[in-house]
């Protein structure tokens, strides 16, 4: 059996589609840990310990039968390219390498 290597992710994108009864609570938790990017999309620094706390706060809020939340974990903010089309209302304050 191969030994699985644990990766230390340090950056995350989060997007969600949850029932409107819970959307405000999910938004508040996401805003506490990440930068609000657009509608139901957040991103920012996310250490492994911070990720555990983030998940633990969301678990009691999310209804797994109705809601969807995705966490895309990255090693850092330099490993992806960003391209936007259309209106961009505000600057995020984060510089990304394209």
PDB file of N, CA and C in Angstrom:
ATOM      1  N   UNK A   1       0.838  -1.183   0.000  1.00  0.00           N
ATOM      2  CA  UNK A   1       0.000   0.000   0.000  1.00  0.00           C
ATOM      3  C   UNK A   1       0.879   1.240   0.000  1.00  0.00           C
ATOM      4  N   UNK A   2       0.646   2.115  -0.945  1.00  0.00           N
ATOM      5  CA  UNK A   2       1.433   3.349  -1.054  1.00  0.00           C
ATOM      6  C   UNK A   2       1.058   4.313   0.055  1.00  0.00           C
ATOM      7  N   UNK A   3       2.047   5.020   0.534  1.00  0.00           N
ATOM      8  CA  UNK A   3       1.827   6.012   1.572  1.00  0.00           C
ATOM      9  C   UNK A   3       1.284   7.287   0.928  1.00  0.00           C
ATOM     10  N   UNK A   4       0.100   7.691   1.329  1.00  0.00           N
ATOM     11  CA  UNK A   4      -0.523   8.885   0.753  1.00  0.00           C
ATOM     12  C   UNK A   4       0.131  10.136   1.325  1.00  0.00           C
ATOM     13  N   UNK A   5       0.585  11.015   0.441  1.00  0.00           N
ATOM     14  CA  UNK A   5       1.230  12.259   0.861  1.00  0.00           C
ATOM     15  C   UNK A   5       0.154  13.307   1.155  1.00  0.00           C
ATOM     16  N   UNK A   6       0.243  13.905   2.337  1.00  0.00           N
ATOM     17  CA  UNK A   6      -0.680  14.977   2.690  1.00  0.00           C
ATOM     18  C   UNK A   6      -0.179  16.279   2.086  1.00  0.00           C
ATOM     19  N   UNK A   7      -1.048  16.967   1.372  1.00  0.00           N
ATOM     20  CA  UNK A   7      -0.686  18.240   0.779  1.00  0.00           C
ATOM     21  C   UNK A   7      -1.179  19.373   1.663  1.00  0.00           C
ATOM     22  N   UNK A   8      -0.366  20.382   1.809  1.00  0.00           N
ATOM     23  CA  UNK A   8      -0.775  21.554   2.565  1.00  0.00           C
ATOM     24  C   UNK A   8      -1.284  22.617   1.608  1.00  0.00           C
ATOM     25  N   UNK A   9      -2.598  22.695   1.509  1.00  0.00           N
ATOM     26  CA  UNK A   9      -3.218  23.712   0.677  1.00  0.00           C
ATOM     27  C   UNK A   9      -3.224  25.030   1.437  1.00  0.00           C
ATOM     28  N   UNK A  10      -3.017  26.121   0.717  1.00  0.00           N
ATOM     29  CA  UNK A  10      -2.942  27.424   1.377  1.00  0.00           C
ATOM     30  C   UNK A  10      -3.818  28.483   0.724  1.00  0.00           C
ATOM     31  N   UNK A  11      -4.610  28.089  -0.265  1.00  0.00           N
ATOM     32  CA  UNK A  11      -5.477  29.037  -0.959  1.00  0.00           C
ATOM     33  C   UNK A  11      -6.722  28.275  -1.381  1.00  0.00           C
ATOM     34  N   UNK A  12      -7.862  28.944  -1.393  1.00  0.00           N
ATOM     35  CA  UNK A  12      -9.094  28.244  -1.762  1.00  0.00           C
ATOM     36  C   UNK A  12     -10.063  29.159  -2.493  1.00  0.00           C
ATOM     37  N   UNK A  13     -10.826  28.537  -3.366  1.00  0.00           N
ATOM     38  CA  UNK A  13     -12.015  29.135  -3.969  1.00  0.00           C
ATOM     39  C   UNK A  13     -13.201  28.390  -3.383  1.00  0.00           C
ATOM     40  N   UNK A  14     -14.248  29.104  -3.037  1.00  0.00           N
ATOM     41  CA  UNK A  14     -15.471  28.478  -2.538  1.00  0.00           C
ATOM     42  C   UNK A  14     -16.631  29.054  -3.323  1.00  0.00           C
ATOM     43  N   UNK A  15     -17.485  28.172  -3.804  1.00  0.00           N
ATOM     44  CA  UNK A  15     -18.731  28.624  -4.418  1.00  0.00           C
ATOM     45  C   UNK A  15     -19.850  27.718  -3.960  1.00  0.00           C
ATOM     46  N   UNK A  16     -21.050  28.277  -3.906  1.00  0.00           N
ATOM     47  CA  UNK A  16     -22.154  27.509  -3.339  1.00  0.00           C
ATOM     48  C   UNK A  16     -23.480  27.871  -3.983  1.00  0.00           C
ATOM     49  N   UNK A  17     -24.408  26.936  -3.831  1.00  0.00           N
ATOM     50  CA  UNK A  17     -25.802  27.114  -4.228  1.00  0.00           C
ATOM     51  C   UNK A  17     -26.610  26.461  -3.121  1.00  0.00           C
ATOM     52  N   UNK A  18     -27.124  27.277  -2.207  1.00  0.00           N
ATOM     53  CA  UNK A  18     -27.856  26.747  -1.055  1.00  0.00           C
ATOM     54  C   UNK A  18     -29.252  27.346  -0.999  1.00  0.00           C
ATOM     55  N   UNK A  19     -30.111  26.663  -0.278  1.00  0.00           N
ATOM     56  CA  UNK A  19     -31.480  27.127  -0.093  1.00  0.00           C
ATOM     57  C   UNK A  19     -31.474  28.532   0.498  1.00  0.00           C
ATOM     58  N   UNK A  20     -32.388  29.371   0.027  1.00  0.00           N
ATOM     59  CA  UNK A  20     -32.391  30.772   0.482  1.00  0.00           C
ATOM     60  C   UNK A  20     -32.588  30.909   1.985  1.00  0.00           C
ATOM     61  N   UNK A  21     -33.121  29.896   2.653  1.00  0.00           N
ATOM     62  CA  UNK A  21     -33.263  29.939   4.105  1.00  0.00           C
ATOM     63  C   UNK A  21     -31.905  29.922   4.806  1.00  0.00           C
ATOM     64  N   UNK A  22     -30.904  29.364   4.134  1.00  0.00           N
ATOM     65  CA  UNK A  22     -29.580  29.216   4.743  1.00  0.00           C
ATOM     66  C   UNK A  22     -28.505  30.081   4.081  1.00  0.00           C
ATOM     67  N   UNK A  23     -28.843  30.733   2.999  1.00  0.00           N
ATOM     68  CA  UNK A  23     -27.820  31.447   2.223  1.00  0.00           C
ATOM     69  C   UNK A  23     -27.123  32.535   3.041  1.00  0.00           C
ATOM     70  N   UNK A  24     -27.854  33.246   3.882  1.00  0.00           N
ATOM     71  CA  UNK A  24     -27.230  34.306   4.680  1.00  0.00           C
ATOM     72  C   UNK A  24     -26.227  33.735   5.681  1.00  0.00           C
ATOM     73  N   UNK A  25     -26.555  32.613   6.306  1.00  0.00           N
ATOM     74  CA  UNK A  25     -25.639  31.987   7.265  1.00  0.00           C
ATOM     75  C   UNK A  25     -24.377  31.489   6.572  1.00  0.00           C
ATOM     76  N   UNK A  26     -24.532  30.865   5.410  1.00  0.00           N
ATOM     77  CA  UNK A  26     -23.374  30.379   4.655  1.00  0.00           C
ATOM     78  C   UNK A  26     -22.518  31.565   4.219  1.00  0.00           C
ATOM     79  N   UNK A  27     -23.155  32.622   3.745  1.00  0.00           N
ATOM     80  CA  UNK A  27     -22.435  33.830   3.333  1.00  0.00           C
ATOM     81  C   UNK A  27     -21.591  34.369   4.492  1.00  0.00           C
ATOM     82  N   UNK A  28     -22.185  34.461   5.686  1.00  0.00           N
ATOM     83  CA  UNK A  28     -21.469  35.001   6.841  1.00  0.00           C
ATOM     84  C   UNK A  28     -20.248  34.173   7.204  1.00  0.00           C
ATOM     85  N   UNK A  29     -20.373  32.855   7.144  1.00  0.00           N
ATOM     86  CA  UNK A  29     -19.223  31.993   7.461  1.00  0.00           C
ATOM     87  C   UNK A  29     -18.140  32.174   6.406  1.00  0.00           C
ATOM     88  N   UNK A  30     -18.521  32.175   5.144  1.00  0.00           N
ATOM     89  CA  UNK A  30     -17.545  32.352   4.067  1.00  0.00           C
ATOM     90  C   UNK A  30     -16.834  33.700   4.196  1.00  0.00           C
ATOM     91  N   UNK A  31     -17.591  34.754   4.483  1.00  0.00           N
ATOM     92  CA  UNK A  31     -17.038  36.104   4.616  1.00  0.00           C
ATOM     93  C   UNK A  31     -16.053  36.184   5.783  1.00  0.00           C
ATOM     94  N   UNK A  32     -16.284  35.392   6.805  1.00  0.00           N
ATOM     95  CA  UNK A  32     -15.405  35.358   7.975  1.00  0.00           C
ATOM     96  C   UNK A  32     -14.014  34.816   7.615  1.00  0.00           C
ATOM     97  N   UNK A  33     -13.957  33.899   6.659  1.00  0.00           N
ATOM     98  CA  UNK A  33     -12.702  33.225   6.329  1.00  0.00           C
ATOM     99  C   UNK A  33     -12.062  33.670   5.011  1.00  0.00           C
ATOM    100  N   UNK A  34     -12.855  34.196   4.082  1.00  0.00           N
ATOM    101  CA  UNK A  34     -12.361  34.463   2.734  1.00  0.00           C
ATOM    102  C   UNK A  34     -12.826  35.824   2.234  1.00  0.00           C
ATOM    103  N   UNK A  35     -12.287  36.245   1.101  1.00  0.00           N
ATOM    104  CA  UNK A  35     -12.710  37.493   0.460  1.00  0.00           C
ATOM    105  C   UNK A  35     -13.877  37.209  -0.468  1.00  0.00           C
ATOM    106  N   UNK A  36     -14.889  38.055  -0.384  1.00  0.00           N
ATOM    107  CA  UNK A  36     -16.046  37.918  -1.266  1.00  0.00           C
ATOM    108  C   UNK A  36     -15.637  38.350  -2.661  1.00  0.00           C
ATOM    109  N   UNK A  37     -15.839  37.472  -3.629  1.00  0.00           N
ATOM    110  CA  UNK A  37     -15.399  37.755  -4.995  1.00  0.00           C
ATOM    111  C   UNK A  37     -16.562  38.165  -5.882  1.00  0.00           C
ATOM    112  N   UNK A  38     -17.633  37.372  -5.892  1.00  0.00           N
ATOM    113  CA  UNK A  38     -18.781  37.678  -6.750  1.00  0.00           C
ATOM    114  C   UNK A  38     -19.936  36.779  -6.340  1.00  0.00           C
ATOM    115  N   UNK A  39     -21.096  37.366  -6.070  1.00  0.00           N
ATOM    116  CA  UNK A  39     -22.291  36.623  -5.651  1.00  0.00           C
ATOM    117  C   UNK A  39     -21.954  35.515  -4.656  1.00  0.00           C
ATOM    118  N   UNK A  40     -22.053  34.270  -5.030  1.00  0.00           N
ATOM    119  CA  UNK A  40     -21.801  33.148  -4.121  1.00  0.00           C
ATOM    120  C   UNK A  40     -20.401  32.575  -4.305  1.00  0.00           C
ATOM    121  N   UNK A  41     -19.430  33.429  -4.573  1.00  0.00           N
ATOM    122  CA  UNK A  41     -18.053  32.997  -4.817  1.00  0.00           C
ATOM    123  C   UNK A  41     -17.122  33.746  -3.872  1.00  0.00           C
ATOM    124  N   UNK A  42     -16.253  32.991  -3.219  1.00  0.00           N
ATOM    125  CA  UNK A  42     -15.259  33.543  -2.300  1.00  0.00           C
ATOM    126  C   UNK A  42     -13.907  32.944  -2.639  1.00  0.00           C
ATOM    127  N   UNK A  43     -12.829  33.644  -2.238  1.00  0.00           N
ATOM    128  CA  UNK A  43     -11.495  33.097  -2.422  1.00  0.00           C
ATOM    129  C   UNK A  43     -10.543  33.766  -1.452  1.00  0.00           C
ATOM    130  N   UNK A  44      -9.406  33.114  -1.218  1.00  0.00           N
ATOM    131  CA  UNK A  44      -8.407  33.719  -0.359  1.00  0.00           C
ATOM    132  C   UNK A  44      -7.512  32.706   0.315  1.00  0.00           C
ATOM    133  N   UNK A  45      -6.642  33.217   1.179  1.00  0.00           N
ATOM    134  CA  UNK A  45      -5.724  32.384   1.946  1.00  0.00           C
ATOM    135  C   UNK A  45      -6.521  31.416   2.813  1.00  0.00           C
ATOM    136  N   UNK A  46      -6.078  30.160   2.847  1.00  0.00           N
ATOM    137  CA  UNK A  46      -6.794  29.149   3.629  1.00  0.00           C
ATOM    138  C   UNK A  46      -5.798  28.089   4.081  1.00  0.00           C
ATOM    139  N   UNK A  47      -5.275  28.253   5.283  1.00  0.00           N
ATOM    140  CA  UNK A  47      -4.345  27.267   5.831  1.00  0.00           C
ATOM    141  C   UNK A  47      -5.107  25.980   6.140  1.00  0.00           C
ATOM    142  N   UNK A  48      -4.401  24.860   6.294  1.00  0.00           N
ATOM    143  CA  UNK A  48      -5.094  23.608   6.624  1.00  0.00           C
ATOM    144  C   UNK A  48      -5.923  23.693   7.904  1.00  0.00           C
ATOM    145  N   UNK A  49      -5.412  24.336   8.939  1.00  0.00           N
ATOM    146  CA  UNK A  49      -6.175  24.442  10.187  1.00  0.00           C
ATOM    147  C   UNK A  49      -7.391  25.362  10.023  1.00  0.00           C
ATOM    148  N   UNK A  50      -7.227  26.408   9.244  1.00  0.00           N
ATOM    149  CA  UNK A  50      -8.337  27.323   8.963  1.00  0.00           C
ATOM    150  C   UNK A  50      -9.422  26.592   8.156  1.00  0.00           C
ATOM    151  N   UNK A  51      -9.003  25.730   7.241  1.00  0.00           N
ATOM    152  CA  UNK A  51      -9.946  24.946   6.439  1.00  0.00           C
ATOM    153  C   UNK A  51     -10.779  24.017   7.316  1.00  0.00           C
ATOM    154  N   UNK A  52     -10.150  23.415   8.303  1.00  0.00           N
ATOM    155  CA  UNK A  52     -10.879  22.534   9.231  1.00  0.00           C
ATOM    156  C   UNK A  52     -11.929  23.322   9.996  1.00  0.00           C
ATOM    157  N   UNK A  53     -11.551  24.492  10.521  1.00  0.00           N
ATOM    158  CA  UNK A  53     -12.509  25.333  11.256  1.00  0.00           C
ATOM    159  C   UNK A  53     -13.646  25.788  10.340  1.00  0.00           C
ATOM    160  N   UNK A  54     -13.304  26.173   9.119  1.00  0.00           N
ATOM    161  CA  UNK A  54     -14.287  26.610   8.124  1.00  0.00           C
ATOM    162  C   UNK A  54     -15.320  25.510   7.866  1.00  0.00           C
ATOM    163  N   UNK A  55     -14.832  24.288   7.579  1.00  0.00           N
ATOM    164  CA  UNK A  55     -15.729  23.156   7.331  1.00  0.00           C
ATOM    165  C   UNK A  55     -16.605  22.860   8.548  1.00  0.00           C
ATOM    166  N   UNK A  56     -16.002  22.901   9.731  1.00  0.00           N
ATOM    167  CA  UNK A  56     -16.753  22.613  10.953  1.00  0.00           C
ATOM    168  C   UNK A  56     -17.859  23.630  11.210  1.00  0.00           C
ATOM    169  N   UNK A  57     -17.655  24.870  10.819  1.00  0.00           N
ATOM    170  CA  UNK A  57     -18.703  25.885  10.970  1.00  0.00           C
ATOM    171  C   UNK A  57     -19.813  25.703   9.943  1.00  0.00           C
ATOM    172  N   UNK A  58     -19.466  25.225   8.754  1.00  0.00           N
ATOM    173  CA  UNK A  58     -20.461  25.065   7.690  1.00  0.00           C
ATOM    174  C   UNK A  58     -21.312  23.804   7.836  1.00  0.00           C
ATOM    175  N   UNK A  59     -20.733  22.734   8.357  1.00  0.00           N
ATOM    176  CA  UNK A  59     -21.437  21.446   8.419  1.00  0.00           C
ATOM    177  C   UNK A  59     -22.809  21.519   9.089  1.00  0.00           C
ATOM    178  N   UNK A  60     -22.955  22.209  10.230  1.00  0.00           N
ATOM    179  CA  UNK A  60     -24.287  22.257  10.845  1.00  0.00           C
ATOM    180  C   UNK A  60     -25.291  23.138  10.080  1.00  0.00           C
ATOM    181  N   UNK A  61     -24.804  23.985   9.189  1.00  0.00           N
ATOM    182  CA  UNK A  61     -25.673  24.890   8.433  1.00  0.00           C
ATOM    183  C   UNK A  61     -26.186  24.225   7.161  1.00  0.00           C
ATOM    184  N   UNK A  62     -25.307  23.524   6.467  1.00  0.00           N
ATOM    185  CA  UNK A  62     -25.625  22.934   5.169  1.00  0.00           C
ATOM    186  C   UNK A  62     -26.573  21.749   5.315  1.00  0.00           C
ATOM    187  N   UNK A  63     -27.573  21.697   4.450  1.00  0.00           N
ATOM    188  CA  UNK A  63     -28.447  20.533   4.337  1.00  0.00           C
ATOM    189  C   UNK A  63     -27.941  19.735   3.139  1.00  0.00           C
ATOM    190  N   UNK A  64     -27.348  18.589   3.394  1.00  0.00           N
ATOM    191  CA  UNK A  64     -26.711  17.817   2.328  1.00  0.00           C
ATOM    192  C   UNK A  64     -27.701  17.296   1.291  1.00  0.00           C
ATOM    193  N   UNK A  65     -28.973  17.271   1.615  1.00  0.00           N
ATOM    194  CA  UNK A  65     -29.998  16.822   0.670  1.00  0.00           C
ATOM    195  C   UNK A  65     -30.387  17.925  -0.319  1.00  0.00           C
ATOM    196  N   UNK A  66     -30.199  19.187   0.066  1.00  0.00           N
ATOM    197  CA  UNK A  66     -30.652  20.318  -0.747  1.00  0.00           C
ATOM    198  C   UNK A  66     -29.536  21.233  -1.243  1.00  0.00           C
ATOM    199  N   UNK A  67     -28.468  21.349  -0.497  1.00  0.00           N
ATOM    200  CA  UNK A  67     -27.463  22.383  -0.749  1.00  0.00           C
ATOM    201  C   UNK A  67     -26.217  21.834  -1.436  1.00  0.00           C
ATOM    202  N   UNK A  68     -25.496  22.739  -2.083  1.00  0.00           N
ATOM    203  CA  UNK A  68     -24.233  22.421  -2.737  1.00  0.00           C
ATOM    204  C   UNK A  68     -23.211  23.471  -2.346  1.00  0.00           C
ATOM    205  N   UNK A  69     -22.037  23.036  -1.928  1.00  0.00           N
ATOM    206  CA  UNK A  69     -20.932  23.929  -1.637  1.00  0.00           C
ATOM    207  C   UNK A  69     -19.655  23.233  -2.107  1.00  0.00           C
ATOM    208  N   UNK A  70     -18.832  23.951  -2.842  1.00  0.00           N
ATOM    209  CA  UNK A  70     -17.599  23.387  -3.387  1.00  0.00           C
ATOM    210  C   UNK A  70     -16.412  24.198  -2.890  1.00  0.00           C
ATOM    211  N   UNK A  71     -15.377  23.498  -2.429  1.00  0.00           N
ATOM    212  CA  UNK A  71     -14.125  24.124  -2.007  1.00  0.00           C
ATOM    213  C   UNK A  71     -13.038  23.628  -2.953  1.00  0.00           C
ATOM    214  N   UNK A  72     -12.463  24.540  -3.703  1.00  0.00           N
ATOM    215  CA  UNK A  72     -11.341  24.200  -4.575  1.00  0.00           C
ATOM    216  C   UNK A  72     -10.078  24.631  -3.848  1.00  0.00           C
ATOM    217  N   UNK A  73      -9.243  23.660  -3.510  1.00  0.00           N
ATOM    218  CA  UNK A  73      -8.046  23.913  -2.713  1.00  0.00           C
ATOM    219  C   UNK A  73      -6.820  23.980  -3.622  1.00  0.00           C
ATOM    220  N   UNK A  74      -6.007  24.991  -3.403  1.00  0.00           N
ATOM    221  CA  UNK A  74      -4.788  25.200  -4.188  1.00  0.00           C
ATOM    222  C   UNK A  74      -3.597  25.334  -3.251  1.00  0.00           C
ATOM    223  N   UNK A  75      -2.429  25.048  -3.785  1.00  0.00           N
ATOM    224  CA  UNK A  75      -1.213  25.172  -2.982  1.00  0.00           C
ATOM    225  C   UNK A  75      -0.946  26.636  -2.620  1.00  0.00           C
ATOM    226  N   UNK A  76      -1.206  27.550  -3.564  1.00  0.00           N
ATOM    227  CA  UNK A  76      -1.035  28.975  -3.309  1.00  0.00           C
ATOM    228  C   UNK A  76      -1.766  29.752  -4.401  1.00  0.00           C
ATOM    229  N   UNK A  77      -1.728  31.053  -4.330  1.00  0.00           N
ATOM    230  CA  UNK A  77      -2.468  31.875  -5.297  1.00  0.00           C
ATOM    231  C   UNK A  77      -1.700  32.106  -6.593  1.00  0.00           C
ATOM    232  N   UNK A  78      -0.594  31.411  -6.803  1.00  0.00           N
ATOM    233  CA  UNK A  78       0.192  31.564  -8.031  1.00  0.00           C
ATOM    234  C   UNK A  78       0.040  30.386  -8.985  1.00  0.00           C
ATOM    235  N   UNK A  79      -0.845  29.465  -8.707  1.00  0.00           N
ATOM    236  CA  UNK A  79      -0.930  28.247  -9.504  1.00  0.00           C
ATOM    237  C   UNK A  79      -2.125  28.223 -10.450  1.00  0.00           C
ATOM    238  N   UNK A  80      -2.762  29.338 -10.641  1.00  0.00           N
ATOM    239  CA  UNK A  80      -3.889  29.374 -11.556  1.00  0.00           C
ATOM    240  C   UNK A  80      -3.887  30.678 -12.330  1.00  0.00           C
ATOM    241  N   UNK A  81      -4.542  30.644 -13.461  1.00  0.00           N
ATOM    242  CA  UNK A  81      -4.716  31.854 -14.252  1.00  0.00           C
ATOM    243  C   UNK A  81      -6.164  32.284 -14.131  1.00  0.00           C
ATOM    244  N   UNK A  82      -6.399  33.556 -14.228  1.00  0.00           N
ATOM    245  CA  UNK A  82      -7.752  34.080 -14.110  1.00  0.00           C
ATOM    246  C   UNK A  82      -8.088  34.881 -15.350  1.00  0.00           C
ATOM    247  N   UNK A  83      -9.257  34.617 -15.869  1.00  0.00           N
ATOM    248  CA  UNK A  83      -9.773  35.380 -17.004  1.00  0.00           C
ATOM    249  C   UNK A  83     -11.229  35.686 -16.712  1.00  0.00           C
ATOM    250  N   UNK A  84     -11.605  36.931 -16.826  1.00  0.00           N
ATOM    251  CA  UNK A  84     -13.002  37.302 -16.622  1.00  0.00           C
ATOM    252  C   UNK A  84     -13.543  37.924 -17.897  1.00  0.00           C
ATOM    253  N   UNK A  85     -14.805  37.678 -18.143  1.00  0.00           N
ATOM    254  CA  UNK A  85     -15.510  38.266 -19.271  1.00  0.00           C
ATOM    255  C   UNK A  85     -16.706  39.018 -18.723  1.00  0.00           C
ATOM    256  N   UNK A  86     -17.021  40.132 -19.295  1.00  0.00           N
ATOM    257  CA  UNK A  86     -18.182  40.879 -18.834  1.00  0.00           C
ATOM    258  C   UNK A  86     -17.830  41.872 -17.752  1.00  0.00           C
ATOM    259  N   UNK A  87     -18.860  42.406 -17.161  1.00  0.00           N
ATOM    260  CA  UNK A  87     -18.725  43.471 -16.181  1.00  0.00           C
ATOM    261  C   UNK A  87     -18.072  42.979 -14.905  1.00  0.00           C
ATOM    262  N   UNK A  88     -17.095  43.711 -14.464  1.00  0.00           N
ATOM    263  CA  UNK A  88     -16.444  43.430 -13.194  1.00  0.00           C
ATOM    264  C   UNK A  88     -16.688  44.638 -12.307  1.00  0.00           C
ATOM    265  N   UNK A  89     -17.516  44.464 -11.279  1.00  0.00           N
ATOM    266  CA  UNK A  89     -17.948  45.581 -10.444  1.00  0.00           C
ATOM    267  C   UNK A  89     -16.871  46.173  -9.559  1.00  0.00           C
ATOM    268  N   UNK A  90     -15.977  45.326  -9.046  1.00  0.00           N
ATOM    269  CA  UNK A  90     -15.013  45.845  -8.092  1.00  0.00           C
ATOM    270  C   UNK A  90     -13.703  45.092  -8.212  1.00  0.00           C
ATOM    271  N   UNK A  91     -12.653  45.730  -7.763  1.00  0.00           N
ATOM    272  CA  UNK A  91     -11.360  45.073  -7.689  1.00  0.00           C
ATOM    273  C   UNK A  91     -11.330  44.206  -6.440  1.00  0.00           C
ATOM    274  N   UNK A  92     -10.655  43.094  -6.522  1.00  0.00           N
ATOM    275  CA  UNK A  92     -10.602  42.185  -5.364  1.00  0.00           C
ATOM    276  C   UNK A  92      -9.470  42.517  -4.415  1.00  0.00           C
ATOM    277  N   UNK A  93      -8.502  43.302  -4.877  1.00  0.00           N
ATOM    278  CA  UNK A  93      -7.369  43.611  -4.017  1.00  0.00           C
ATOM    279  C   UNK A  93      -6.332  42.520  -4.019  1.00  0.00           C
ATOM    280  N   UNK A  94      -6.515  41.497  -4.841  1.00  0.00           N
ATOM    281  CA  UNK A  94      -5.578  40.390  -4.910  1.00  0.00           C
ATOM    282  C   UNK A  94      -5.006  40.341  -6.314  1.00  0.00           C
ATOM    283  N   UNK A  95      -3.694  40.231  -6.416  1.00  0.00           N
ATOM    284  CA  UNK A  95      -3.030  40.159  -7.704  1.00  0.00           C
ATOM    285  C   UNK A  95      -2.750  38.703  -8.024  1.00  0.00           C
ATOM    286  N   UNK A  96      -3.125  38.272  -9.215  1.00  0.00           N
ATOM    287  CA  UNK A  96      -2.909  36.902  -9.627  1.00  0.00           C
ATOM    288  C   UNK A  96      -1.957  36.871 -10.806  1.00  0.00           C
ATOM    289  N   UNK A  97      -1.126  35.869 -10.844  1.00  0.00           N
ATOM    290  CA  UNK A  97      -0.215  35.688 -11.979  1.00  0.00           C
ATOM    291  C   UNK A  97      -0.956  34.922 -13.039  1.00  0.00           C
ATOM    292  N   UNK A  98      -1.005  35.471 -14.243  1.00  0.00           N
ATOM    293  CA  UNK A  98      -1.704  34.810 -15.345  1.00  0.00           C
ATOM    294  C   UNK A  98      -0.755  34.003 -16.177  1.00  0.00           C
TER     295      UNK A  98
END
